[in-house]
Each structure stands twice: as structure tokens, then as C-alpha cells.
Amino acid sequence: MIRKFLHLALLFPLLISGQQALNGTFLPPEEFDWVLVYKVSPTNSSYVGDAKIDENGKMTFVLDSTQTKGMYRLVYAVPQEEYNFDIIYDGNENVEFTFHIDQGIEFESSIENKLMSSYTNSMSLISQSLGNYFREQSSDTTALMTIFKTQRETQTEFEKLSKDMIAGHFVRANRPYIPDSYEDLKTYLSNIKNHYFDHVDFTDPILQSSNFLVEQSLNYVFGMVSKDNLRSKGYEENLDKVVNAMEKATDQTKKMLLEILWQQLSEANYESTANYLADNYLIDLAKSLQEQDLVNELVQFKNVSLGHIAPNFKIDSHWKGKPVKTNFHDLKDADQYILVFWSSNCSHCLEELPKLRDFMKSSGLNKTQVIAFALEDELSIWTSEKFNYPDFIHVAGLDKWENAVGKSYNISATPTYFILDGSKSIIAKPEDIVAVKQFFQSQK
């Protein structure tokens, strides 16, 4: 989910005159229909318009005199956060490109975009040479210093070429650590980490308007962890350094960057690191900016993270012919619980719940109890459907996705599974019935 350095988003407001166009070819053409065009600023993305992609994969979008130079984001599918790429528009020339769904983007015209492509490719080749040198454990120090010399000269040349361009902000900010004398691999890697943010200005509005700051931060958090360090501990230490690097940025900028980092961490299931970021930095920032919705989201995520006691709810049901009227936290008859959120009109649920029922009957998990919480718009189908699962404790909640219990568990799809120990602490969050079975089989 982390995009290439070339795929950046920025806006540097400056009025221009004339008309230019974005001319693109999308391959393979049968994969594409429309393109939405946005202009990106440090605070938002503004919709500009859209263009039809024809049967040959061709599209043209005219940028009139009201459009400022900067960075434009082209969205070609949903979700928009994943299916997009960005291009630099300098206000003076057309941008022509070919975008292949597997190979990425190649520019046929546009000085700034072609320069960025050339810079990225050149520095990547040098990085490959460095990697090959250290992998081969070469003792030829002259060869290493030659590579460093080439890297320094290449960086300097591209900084000169891009001095007055939008691209120049990114070329300068991406300047790598280059030693003046021989360094062994351990020393070199340590210095790369120590000098990682030397040229990154978190107050630069152009960098703020792009994915660059987020990508640099993510690369640092995940890529700069020593093998000798516990991964989660290393991530947390790296987060501290990222926050320190952005010290001079405004609270709004910090919040925006840290929120994106938190989203990436949470979506990648790095729950402990996401919660560390929230507890130590993001919640306080959100409170100071009076963004209560974000505070609530962070707290709810933490409440259903591994190792936390699951949110409580009322149970008014029958189980094996006996009434069960209690709170979830007060159940005491099992060593483990499977809590599954489902819906009686969810086809996927109606495929998986019978498999869960059959697994429970055949697995010999006598000390494991299933709690089936149905999120429903109305109860008529659920009232009869629940009898297909007589060994489950059934709970139903109306208002479906707006149900308070469902929202407290951050339910956005059904079925969703939680496995809890006897004290109702969350010990696993399987993605599907296959993962549920794998969890219990691994226990055996």
C-alpha cells in the first residue's frame, strides 16, 4: 500500500494562463472506463472533473486557465485511496503518459515528470549497485567510493536541473546520506538511519501536499528496524523519531500525517504500534484540535485490539432450553468464547455459520462457547434462522451498521469473528471460518 516515490501529490498555488491537457493511455484498455481528476493541496483534494477512457484506452482532460500549476491526482477505480496516481502539472505544457495497470506510469512529455522519472531511476540503479557491493562482501574500497562518488554527482546534477521546479522540492528532500570515506555495512546503515530526515522539511507546503512525507515516515518506521531489536519495540522507537523530525510542523500537519500513519498501521494489523501512536501522540493532538470523531475512532480501535477486554453488552436469550439474561462479561461457563457478528440476510454469513456449527460439533471444544450477535434491520428472518444453530447463544441488535454494540466493535462487514479467553480478553481476530479452525487446531 506504500506507493513509489514518483507517485506524489502536491499543490503549489500560482495563477497561470492558457490551456493545456492531460493525455493518457491506459493499458490494458478493457480494465478502465473513467478517470476522475483532483488537484491536491496540503489540506484537501479538490475535484476538478472527469474524462471517459475510450475503447483504445485513450483519454484527454483539458486544464483551463483557472487551474493552477501543481500536482493532479488521477483516480481510475475504487477505492480511490488505492487506485490512483499523481502527476506534476507546471501550467505550461501538456502531460502525456502511458499507465499500465501492472507496470506503472511512463511519461512521453512533460519536463518535470520526465525529470522525476529519470531521477528516481538513476538513484535506484545506484542503490542496486550499493546493495550488490555489500551482498558480495567485497573488500574493494575503491569500488565502493566510486559508487558513492557517482551517487553524490548524480544527486547534485539533478538538484541543479530541478532548482526552480516543483520536482526540486522532492529531489532535495530525498537527498541520501553519502559518506565521505569508507564505511563498513553496519556503520553505513547506522548513519543512513541517523541522517534519514536531514533534508526533509516538514514545514514545506509542497511536501505537505504530497504522499512524500507519509511514505518517508512509513519507510523509516518499518524499514529501519534492527534484527537485534524486537519488531514492535523497534517500530515504536522509530515512531518517536518521526514525531521528533516533524517537531516544527503545525499541529494540523502533524495530526494529518500521524492519522495516515495510524490508518496504515491499523490496516496492516500492526495493532500494538497503532495504539502506541494513538496513546502517545495522536489522541492528544485530536483533542487539542477538537476532533472528537477521531478520538472516538482511536479509542474504539484500541478497545477491540488483541489483549484488550472486549466491550460488554446485554444478553437476553435462550440456550439449550434455558433463559440466559445477563451481561457478556458475566458469562462464566466457558474457557474461551467465539463471538461472531453476522446477519440473517448476509449470504456469506449463511455459508460460514453452518461450517462454524459443524466445526464446533466435531472439534470437541467443550469449553468453548459461540456467541452469535446478529446485526439486523428487522428480526423476522433472524427469528427463524437462529434455530439452525441451537448450541449458539444468540443476541440480536437492530439498526444494523448503526447498532451501538456493532459500532463499539468497529464492525464494517459480516461475518466478523473474535476469539476471547475466559476473562473476555481478545486473543485472536480470525478473518474467516478457515482462520477460526486454524486457530483452534494450532492450540492442539
Protein backbone atom coordinates (compact mmCIF):
# COMPACT_ATOMS: atom_id res chain seq x y z
CA MET A 1 0.00 0.00 0.00
CA ILE A 2 3.03 2.34 0.06
CA ARG A 3 3.41 3.98 -3.36
CA LYS A 4 6.61 4.68 -5.28
CA PHE A 5 8.46 7.94 -4.64
CA LEU A 6 7.46 9.14 -8.10
CA HIS A 7 3.75 8.94 -7.26
CA LEU A 8 3.46 12.15 -5.25
CA ALA A 9 0.64 14.60 -4.56
CA LEU A 10 1.20 18.35 -4.17
CA LEU A 11 -0.20 21.77 -4.93
CA PHE A 12 1.80 24.99 -5.20
CA PRO A 13 -0.78 27.73 -5.90
CA LEU A 14 0.32 30.07 -8.69
CA LEU A 15 -2.02 31.54 -11.29
CA ILE A 16 -1.28 30.62 -14.90
CA SER A 17 -2.77 31.37 -18.27
CA GLY A 18 -3.64 29.30 -21.30
CA GLN A 19 -4.95 25.79 -21.74
CA GLN A 20 -3.10 22.51 -21.53
CA ALA A 21 -4.20 18.90 -21.41
CA LEU A 22 -3.58 15.62 -19.69
CA ASN A 23 -3.32 12.98 -22.42
CA GLY A 24 -3.20 9.41 -21.22
CA THR A 25 -3.20 5.85 -22.48
CA PHE A 26 -4.44 3.20 -20.05
CA LEU A 27 -3.46 -0.43 -20.57
CA PRO A 28 -4.98 -2.91 -20.90
CA PRO A 29 -7.88 -0.73 -22.11
CA GLU A 30 -10.62 -3.19 -21.11
CA GLU A 31 -9.71 -2.63 -17.44
CA PHE A 32 -10.61 1.08 -17.48
CA ASP A 33 -13.71 3.22 -18.01
CA TRP A 34 -13.37 6.66 -16.43
CA VAL A 35 -10.77 8.86 -14.78
CA LEU A 36 -11.56 11.36 -12.01
CA VAL A 37 -9.17 14.31 -11.75
CA TYR A 38 -8.32 16.01 -8.45
CA LYS A 39 -6.00 18.82 -7.50
CA VAL A 40 -4.28 18.23 -4.17
CA SER A 41 -3.39 20.84 -1.53
CA PRO A 42 -1.86 20.49 1.93
CA THR A 43 -5.34 20.25 3.44
CA ASN A 44 -7.60 18.61 0.86
CA SER A 45 -8.18 17.20 -2.61
CA SER A 46 -10.40 19.33 -4.86
CA TYR A 47 -12.43 17.63 -7.58
CA VAL A 48 -11.63 19.12 -10.98
CA GLY A 49 -13.55 16.90 -13.38
CA ASP A 50 -13.57 13.55 -15.13
CA ALA A 51 -12.80 12.01 -18.50
CA LYS A 52 -14.02 8.97 -20.40
CA ILE A 53 -11.44 6.35 -21.39
CA ASP A 54 -12.26 5.08 -24.88
CA GLU A 55 -12.05 1.52 -26.18
CA ASN A 56 -8.38 2.05 -27.08
CA GLY A 57 -7.50 3.20 -23.58
CA LYS A 58 -7.14 6.85 -24.61
CA MET A 59 -8.30 9.83 -22.54
CA THR A 60 -7.86 13.61 -22.68
CA PHE A 61 -8.63 16.09 -19.94
CA VAL A 62 -8.27 19.81 -20.63
CA LEU A 63 -6.96 22.02 -17.84
CA ASP A 64 -8.22 25.55 -18.43
CA SER A 65 -6.71 28.84 -17.28
CA THR A 66 -8.36 28.60 -13.84
CA GLN A 67 -6.31 25.55 -12.91
CA THR A 68 -3.13 26.35 -11.03
CA LYS A 69 0.10 24.51 -11.51
CA GLY A 70 0.88 21.78 -9.05
CA MET A 71 0.05 18.12 -8.64
CA TYR A 72 -3.05 16.43 -10.03
CA ARG A 73 -4.31 13.05 -8.86
CA LEU A 74 -5.96 10.71 -11.34
CA VAL A 75 -8.33 8.14 -9.84
CA TYR A 76 -9.23 5.22 -12.10
CA ALA A 77 -11.11 2.82 -9.78
CA VAL A 78 -12.45 2.41 -6.26
CA PRO A 79 -11.44 2.58 -3.50
CA GLN A 80 -9.90 5.88 -4.55
CA GLU A 81 -7.19 5.67 -1.89
CA GLU A 82 -5.68 2.65 -3.64
CA TYR A 83 -6.35 3.13 -7.35
CA ASN A 84 -4.75 6.42 -8.26
CA PHE A 85 -1.52 8.06 -9.36
CA ASP A 86 -0.25 11.62 -9.35
CA ILE A 87 1.35 13.81 -11.99
CA ILE A 88 3.08 17.18 -11.91
CA TYR A 89 1.44 19.95 -13.95
CA ASP A 90 3.62 23.03 -14.49
CA GLY A 91 0.94 25.09 -16.25
CA ASN A 92 2.97 25.47 -19.43
CA GLU A 93 2.90 22.17 -21.26
CA ASN A 94 0.75 19.13 -21.92
CA VAL A 95 1.34 15.99 -19.90
CA GLU A 96 1.35 12.82 -21.96
CA PHE A 97 1.72 9.41 -20.35
CA THR A 98 1.02 5.71 -20.58
CA PHE A 99 -0.27 3.95 -17.50
CA HIS A 100 -0.12 0.16 -17.34
CA ILE A 101 -2.04 -1.48 -14.52
CA ASP A 102 0.91 -3.77 -13.72
CA GLN A 103 3.94 -1.75 -14.82
CA GLY A 104 3.00 1.73 -13.63
CA ILE A 105 3.38 5.04 -15.42
CA GLU A 106 5.72 6.25 -18.16
CA PHE A 107 5.77 9.84 -19.40
CA GLU A 108 6.13 10.76 -23.07
CA SER A 109 6.07 14.51 -22.47
CA SER A 110 6.31 16.94 -19.53
CA ILE A 111 9.75 18.09 -18.44
CA GLU A 112 9.07 17.87 -14.70
CA ASN A 113 7.53 14.41 -14.79
CA LYS A 114 10.25 13.01 -17.05
CA LEU A 115 12.92 14.55 -14.83
CA MET A 116 11.38 12.91 -11.77
CA SER A 117 11.27 9.57 -13.56
CA SER A 118 14.90 9.93 -14.61
CA TYR A 119 15.97 10.90 -11.09
CA THR A 120 14.11 8.01 -9.49
CA ASN A 121 15.53 5.50 -11.97
CA SER A 122 19.08 6.83 -11.67
CA MET A 123 19.14 6.74 -7.87
CA SER A 124 17.52 3.31 -7.89
CA LEU A 125 20.30 1.92 -10.09
CA ILE A 126 22.92 3.35 -7.75
CA SER A 127 21.16 1.82 -4.77
CA GLN A 128 21.22 -1.53 -6.56
CA SER A 129 24.97 -1.17 -7.08
CA LEU A 130 25.46 -0.48 -3.37
CA GLY A 131 23.31 -3.45 -2.48
CA ASN A 132 25.30 -5.71 -4.79
CA TYR A 133 28.60 -4.46 -3.33
CA PHE A 134 27.64 -5.22 0.26
CA ARG A 135 25.94 -8.53 -0.60
CA GLU A 136 29.12 -9.73 -2.27
CA GLN A 137 31.10 -8.68 0.85
CA SER A 138 33.64 -7.07 -1.41
CA SER A 139 36.87 -5.73 0.07
CA ASP A 140 37.46 -3.33 -2.83
CA THR A 141 37.07 0.00 -1.01
CA THR A 142 37.94 1.93 -4.16
CA ALA A 143 34.93 0.45 -5.93
CA LEU A 144 32.67 1.45 -3.04
CA MET A 145 33.96 5.03 -3.01
CA THR A 146 33.41 5.19 -6.78
CA ILE A 147 29.77 4.27 -6.27
CA PHE A 148 29.41 6.93 -3.56
CA LYS A 149 31.05 9.49 -5.88
CA THR A 150 28.58 8.63 -8.64
CA GLN A 151 25.69 8.93 -6.18
CA ARG A 152 26.88 12.34 -4.98
CA GLU A 153 27.38 13.68 -8.51
CA THR A 154 24.01 12.34 -9.67
CA GLN A 155 22.21 13.95 -6.73
CA THR A 156 23.99 17.27 -7.28
CA GLU A 157 23.21 17.30 -11.00
CA PHE A 158 19.50 16.62 -10.50
CA GLU A 159 19.29 19.27 -7.82
CA LYS A 160 20.70 21.78 -10.31
CA LEU A 161 18.33 20.68 -13.07
CA SER A 162 15.28 20.86 -10.81
CA LYS A 163 16.24 24.01 -8.89
CA ASP A 164 13.26 26.12 -10.00
CA MET A 165 10.82 23.25 -10.46
CA ILE A 166 8.18 21.69 -8.27
CA ALA A 167 10.17 18.48 -8.64
CA GLY A 168 13.14 20.18 -7.00
CA HIS A 169 11.47 20.10 -3.60
CA PHE A 170 11.33 16.31 -3.77
CA VAL A 171 14.79 15.84 -5.24
CA ARG A 172 16.33 17.91 -2.43
CA ALA A 173 14.26 16.28 0.29
CA ASN A 174 15.23 12.83 -0.99
CA ARG A 175 18.98 13.56 -0.81
CA PRO A 176 20.51 10.39 0.69
CA TYR A 177 23.27 10.05 3.24
CA ILE A 178 26.55 9.73 1.31
CA PRO A 179 29.76 9.09 3.30
CA ASP A 180 32.98 10.95 2.50
CA SER A 181 35.16 7.97 3.37
CA TYR A 182 34.91 4.19 3.54
CA GLU A 183 32.36 2.74 5.96
CA ASP A 184 31.58 -0.88 6.68
CA LEU A 185 27.99 -2.03 6.23
CA LYS A 186 26.98 -1.73 9.90
CA THR A 187 28.32 1.82 10.18
CA TYR A 188 26.80 2.81 6.85
CA LEU A 189 23.32 1.54 7.76
CA SER A 190 23.51 3.22 11.16
CA ASN A 191 24.38 6.54 9.55
CA ILE A 192 21.59 6.20 6.97
CA LYS A 193 19.14 5.85 9.84
CA ASN A 194 20.65 8.71 11.85
CA HIS A 195 20.60 11.10 8.89
CA TYR A 196 17.35 9.91 7.30
CA PHE A 197 15.41 13.14 7.86
CA ASP A 198 18.32 15.60 7.48
CA HIS A 199 16.90 17.17 4.32
CA VAL A 200 13.18 16.62 4.92
CA ASP A 201 11.39 19.86 5.80
CA PHE A 202 8.05 19.01 7.38
CA THR A 203 7.04 22.69 7.10
CA ASP A 204 7.42 22.77 3.29
CA PRO A 205 3.87 23.24 1.92
CA ILE A 206 4.74 21.33 -1.25
CA LEU A 207 5.95 18.31 0.69
CA GLN A 208 2.89 18.63 2.92
CA SER A 209 0.71 18.42 -0.17
CA SER A 210 2.14 15.09 -1.26
CA ASN A 211 2.49 11.49 -0.20
CA PHE A 212 6.21 12.06 0.24
CA LEU A 213 6.19 12.81 3.99
CA VAL A 214 3.92 9.87 4.72
CA GLU A 215 5.97 7.49 2.58
CA GLN A 216 9.26 8.65 4.09
CA SER A 217 7.81 8.18 7.57
CA LEU A 218 6.39 4.73 6.79
CA ASN A 219 9.65 3.64 5.18
CA TYR A 220 11.51 4.77 8.27
CA VAL A 221 9.15 3.11 10.75
CA PHE A 222 9.10 -0.25 9.01
CA GLY A 223 12.42 -0.27 7.18
CA MET A 224 14.79 0.93 9.88
CA VAL A 225 14.34 -1.84 12.46
CA SER A 226 17.42 -3.73 13.59
CA LYS A 227 17.33 -7.52 13.56
CA ASP A 228 18.57 -7.36 17.14
CA ASN A 229 15.53 -5.36 18.24
CA LEU A 230 12.03 -6.63 18.91
CA ARG A 231 9.96 -5.60 15.92
CA SER A 232 7.18 -3.84 17.87
CA LYS A 233 9.71 -2.09 20.11
CA GLY A 234 11.72 -1.01 17.08
CA TYR A 235 8.60 0.37 15.40
CA GLU A 236 7.75 2.40 18.48
CA GLU A 237 11.27 3.83 18.73
CA ASN A 238 11.12 4.79 15.07
CA LEU A 239 7.75 6.47 15.55
CA ASP A 240 9.29 8.58 18.31
CA LYS A 241 11.99 9.73 15.88
CA VAL A 242 9.45 10.51 13.16
CA VAL A 243 7.46 12.66 15.57
CA ASN A 244 10.65 14.41 16.65
CA ALA A 245 11.53 15.10 13.00
CA MET A 246 8.18 16.83 12.42
CA GLU A 247 8.51 18.95 15.56
CA LYS A 248 8.33 22.30 13.74
CA ALA A 249 5.23 21.43 11.72
CA THR A 250 1.82 22.79 12.73
CA ASP A 251 -0.46 20.65 14.89
CA GLN A 252 -2.81 20.26 11.92
CA THR A 253 0.00 18.92 9.74
CA LYS A 254 1.19 16.59 12.50
CA LYS A 255 -2.33 15.30 13.02
CA MET A 256 -2.86 14.70 9.31
CA LEU A 257 0.41 12.80 8.90
CA LEU A 258 0.05 10.78 12.10
CA GLU A 259 -3.55 9.90 11.26
CA ILE A 260 -2.44 8.48 7.91
CA LEU A 261 0.36 6.59 9.64
CA TRP A 262 -2.15 5.24 12.16
CA GLN A 263 -4.50 4.15 9.37
CA GLN A 264 -1.69 2.35 7.57
CA LEU A 265 -0.62 0.61 10.77
CA SER A 266 -4.15 -0.41 11.71
CA GLU A 267 -5.00 -1.69 8.22
CA ALA A 268 -1.77 -3.72 8.21
CA ASN A 269 -2.82 -5.25 11.57
CA TYR A 270 0.06 -3.70 13.50
CA GLU A 271 -2.33 -3.09 16.36
CA SER A 272 0.13 -2.55 19.18
CA THR A 273 2.12 0.01 17.16
CA ALA A 274 -1.07 1.77 16.05
CA ASN A 275 -2.23 2.01 19.67
CA TYR A 276 1.20 3.25 20.77
CA LEU A 277 0.96 6.02 18.18
CA ALA A 278 -2.56 6.91 19.31
CA ASP A 279 -1.87 6.83 23.05
CA ASN A 280 1.35 8.81 22.94
CA TYR A 281 0.65 11.35 20.22
CA LEU A 282 -2.48 11.25 18.10
CA ILE A 283 -5.23 11.28 20.73
CA ASP A 284 -3.80 14.39 22.39
CA LEU A 285 -3.44 16.11 19.01
CA ALA A 286 -7.02 15.23 18.06
CA LYS A 287 -8.29 16.56 21.38
CA SER A 288 -6.36 19.83 21.02
CA LEU A 289 -7.88 20.27 17.54
CA GLN A 290 -11.34 19.34 18.87
CA GLU A 291 -11.70 16.39 16.51
CA GLN A 292 -13.82 14.20 18.74
CA ASP A 293 -14.78 11.77 15.97
CA LEU A 294 -11.12 10.88 15.50
CA VAL A 295 -10.67 10.47 19.26
CA ASN A 296 -13.64 8.10 19.34
CA GLU A 297 -12.27 6.10 16.41
CA LEU A 298 -8.88 5.70 18.06
CA VAL A 299 -10.39 4.63 21.36
CA GLN A 300 -12.78 2.16 19.74
CA PHE A 301 -9.96 0.59 17.77
CA LYS A 302 -7.94 0.14 20.94
CA ASN A 303 -10.92 -1.38 22.77
CA VAL A 304 -11.12 -4.25 20.28
CA SER A 305 -7.39 -4.78 19.82
CA LEU A 306 -5.65 -8.00 20.80
CA GLY A 307 -5.07 -8.22 24.54
CA HIS A 308 -7.88 -5.86 25.48
CA ILE A 309 -11.10 -6.77 27.27
CA ALA A 310 -13.89 -6.87 24.69
CA PRO A 311 -16.73 -4.32 25.07
CA ASN A 312 -19.62 -5.54 27.20
CA PHE A 313 -23.23 -5.94 26.05
CA LYS A 314 -26.50 -7.32 27.36
CA ILE A 315 -27.66 -10.86 26.59
CA ASP A 316 -31.35 -11.75 26.72
CA SER A 317 -31.66 -15.14 25.08
CA HIS A 318 -32.24 -18.86 25.46
CA TRP A 319 -29.59 -21.54 25.36
CA LYS A 320 -30.39 -25.26 25.41
CA GLY A 321 -33.91 -24.53 26.55
CA LYS A 322 -32.89 -22.27 29.42
CA PRO A 323 -33.21 -18.49 29.57
CA VAL A 324 -29.97 -16.53 29.55
CA LYS A 325 -30.37 -12.98 30.81
CA THR A 326 -27.06 -11.44 31.76
CA ASN A 327 -24.14 -9.36 30.53
CA PHE A 328 -21.48 -10.77 28.23
CA HIS A 329 -18.77 -10.10 30.80
CA ASP A 330 -20.71 -12.11 33.40
CA LEU A 331 -20.76 -15.35 31.40
CA LYS A 332 -18.62 -17.91 33.25
CA ASP A 333 -19.36 -21.33 31.74
CA ALA A 334 -16.56 -21.41 29.15
CA ASP A 335 -12.78 -21.14 28.99
CA GLN A 336 -12.96 -19.47 25.56
CA TYR A 337 -15.59 -17.72 23.51
CA ILE A 338 -16.13 -17.24 19.80
CA LEU A 339 -18.01 -14.00 19.22
CA VAL A 340 -19.29 -13.77 15.66
CA PHE A 341 -21.14 -10.78 14.25
CA TRP A 342 -23.44 -11.85 11.43
CA SER A 343 -26.72 -11.02 9.71
CA SER A 344 -29.58 -13.27 8.65
CA ASN A 345 -29.69 -11.65 5.19
CA CYS A 346 -25.93 -11.93 4.62
CA SER A 347 -25.25 -14.72 2.10
CA HIS A 348 -21.62 -15.06 3.19
CA CYS A 349 -22.78 -15.46 6.81
CA LEU A 350 -25.25 -18.16 5.81
CA GLU A 351 -22.38 -20.03 4.18
CA GLU A 352 -19.99 -19.73 7.12
CA LEU A 353 -22.22 -20.20 10.18
CA PRO A 354 -23.18 -23.79 9.28
CA LYS A 355 -19.44 -24.53 8.92
CA LEU A 356 -18.83 -22.98 12.34
CA ARG A 357 -21.68 -25.06 13.81
CA ASP A 358 -20.34 -28.28 12.30
CA PHE A 359 -16.80 -27.49 13.39
CA MET A 360 -17.90 -26.93 16.97
CA LYS A 361 -19.75 -30.27 16.99
CA SER A 362 -16.79 -32.24 15.61
CA SER A 363 -13.87 -30.48 17.29
CA GLY A 364 -14.50 -31.48 20.88
CA LEU A 365 -14.21 -27.89 22.09
CA ASN A 366 -16.47 -28.47 25.06
CA LYS A 367 -15.18 -25.43 26.94
CA THR A 368 -15.66 -23.04 24.03
CA GLN A 369 -18.96 -21.16 23.61
CA VAL A 370 -20.20 -19.37 20.50
CA ILE A 371 -21.99 -16.03 20.90
CA ALA A 372 -23.76 -15.13 17.65
CA PHE A 373 -24.57 -11.41 17.55
CA ALA A 374 -26.89 -10.62 14.65
CA LEU A 375 -26.90 -7.11 13.21
CA GLU A 376 -30.35 -6.73 11.67
CA ASP A 377 -32.65 -4.17 10.09
CA GLU A 378 -35.63 -6.21 11.27
CA LEU A 379 -35.94 -9.52 13.11
CA SER A 380 -38.37 -11.69 11.12
CA ILE A 381 -35.75 -13.74 9.22
CA TRP A 382 -33.39 -13.91 12.21
CA THR A 383 -36.17 -15.25 14.47
CA SER A 384 -36.38 -18.45 12.42
CA GLU A 385 -32.78 -18.63 11.16
CA LYS A 386 -31.27 -18.75 14.65
CA PHE A 387 -32.90 -22.15 15.31
CA ASN A 388 -30.43 -23.66 12.83
CA TYR A 389 -27.74 -23.06 15.46
CA PRO A 390 -29.18 -24.38 18.75
CA ASP A 391 -25.82 -24.54 20.54
CA PHE A 392 -25.07 -20.84 19.98
CA ILE A 393 -26.10 -18.12 22.41
CA HIS A 394 -28.00 -15.69 20.18
CA VAL A 395 -28.17 -11.92 20.51
CA ALA A 396 -29.81 -9.55 18.01
CA GLY A 397 -29.31 -5.84 17.56
CA LEU A 398 -31.35 -3.56 15.34
CA ASP A 399 -30.15 -0.65 13.17
CA LYS A 400 -27.56 -2.94 11.60
CA TRP A 401 -24.40 -0.89 10.89
CA GLU A 402 -25.55 1.84 13.27
CA ASN A 403 -26.10 -0.61 16.12
CA ALA A 404 -24.27 0.62 19.22
CA VAL A 405 -22.69 -2.74 20.04
CA GLY A 406 -21.60 -3.30 16.45
CA LYS A 407 -20.06 0.15 16.34
CA SER A 408 -18.23 -0.46 19.64
CA TYR A 409 -16.60 -3.46 17.95
CA ASN A 410 -15.86 -1.47 14.75
CA ILE A 411 -17.93 -3.88 12.66
CA SER A 412 -17.95 -2.90 8.98
CA ALA A 413 -18.55 -6.33 7.43
CA THR A 414 -20.15 -9.63 8.33
CA PRO A 415 -19.26 -12.21 9.39
CA THR A 416 -16.60 -10.83 11.75
CA TYR A 417 -15.01 -13.10 14.35
CA PHE A 418 -13.39 -12.52 17.74
CA ILE A 419 -11.92 -15.23 19.95
CA LEU A 420 -11.76 -14.42 23.66
CA ASP A 421 -10.43 -16.15 26.74
CA GLY A 422 -12.49 -16.77 29.86
CA SER A 423 -11.93 -13.23 31.13
CA LYS A 424 -13.24 -11.84 27.78
CA SER A 425 -9.80 -10.66 26.68
CA ILE A 426 -9.41 -10.72 22.88
CA ILE A 427 -6.84 -13.36 21.92
CA ALA A 428 -7.49 -13.65 18.16
CA LYS A 429 -9.39 -11.94 15.35
CA PRO A 430 -9.72 -14.55 12.56
CA GLU A 431 -10.62 -13.26 9.11
CA ASP A 432 -12.96 -16.15 8.27
CA ILE A 433 -14.09 -19.62 9.31
CA VAL A 434 -10.90 -21.16 7.87
CA ALA A 435 -8.81 -18.97 10.17
CA VAL A 436 -11.08 -19.87 13.11
CA LYS A 437 -10.39 -23.56 12.53
CA GLN A 438 -6.67 -22.91 12.12
CA PHE A 439 -6.55 -21.07 15.43
CA PHE A 440 -8.03 -23.94 17.42
CA GLN A 441 -6.07 -26.58 15.50
CA SER A 442 -2.86 -24.71 16.32
CA GLN A 443 -3.80 -24.79 20.02
CA LYS A 444 -3.95 -28.56 19.89
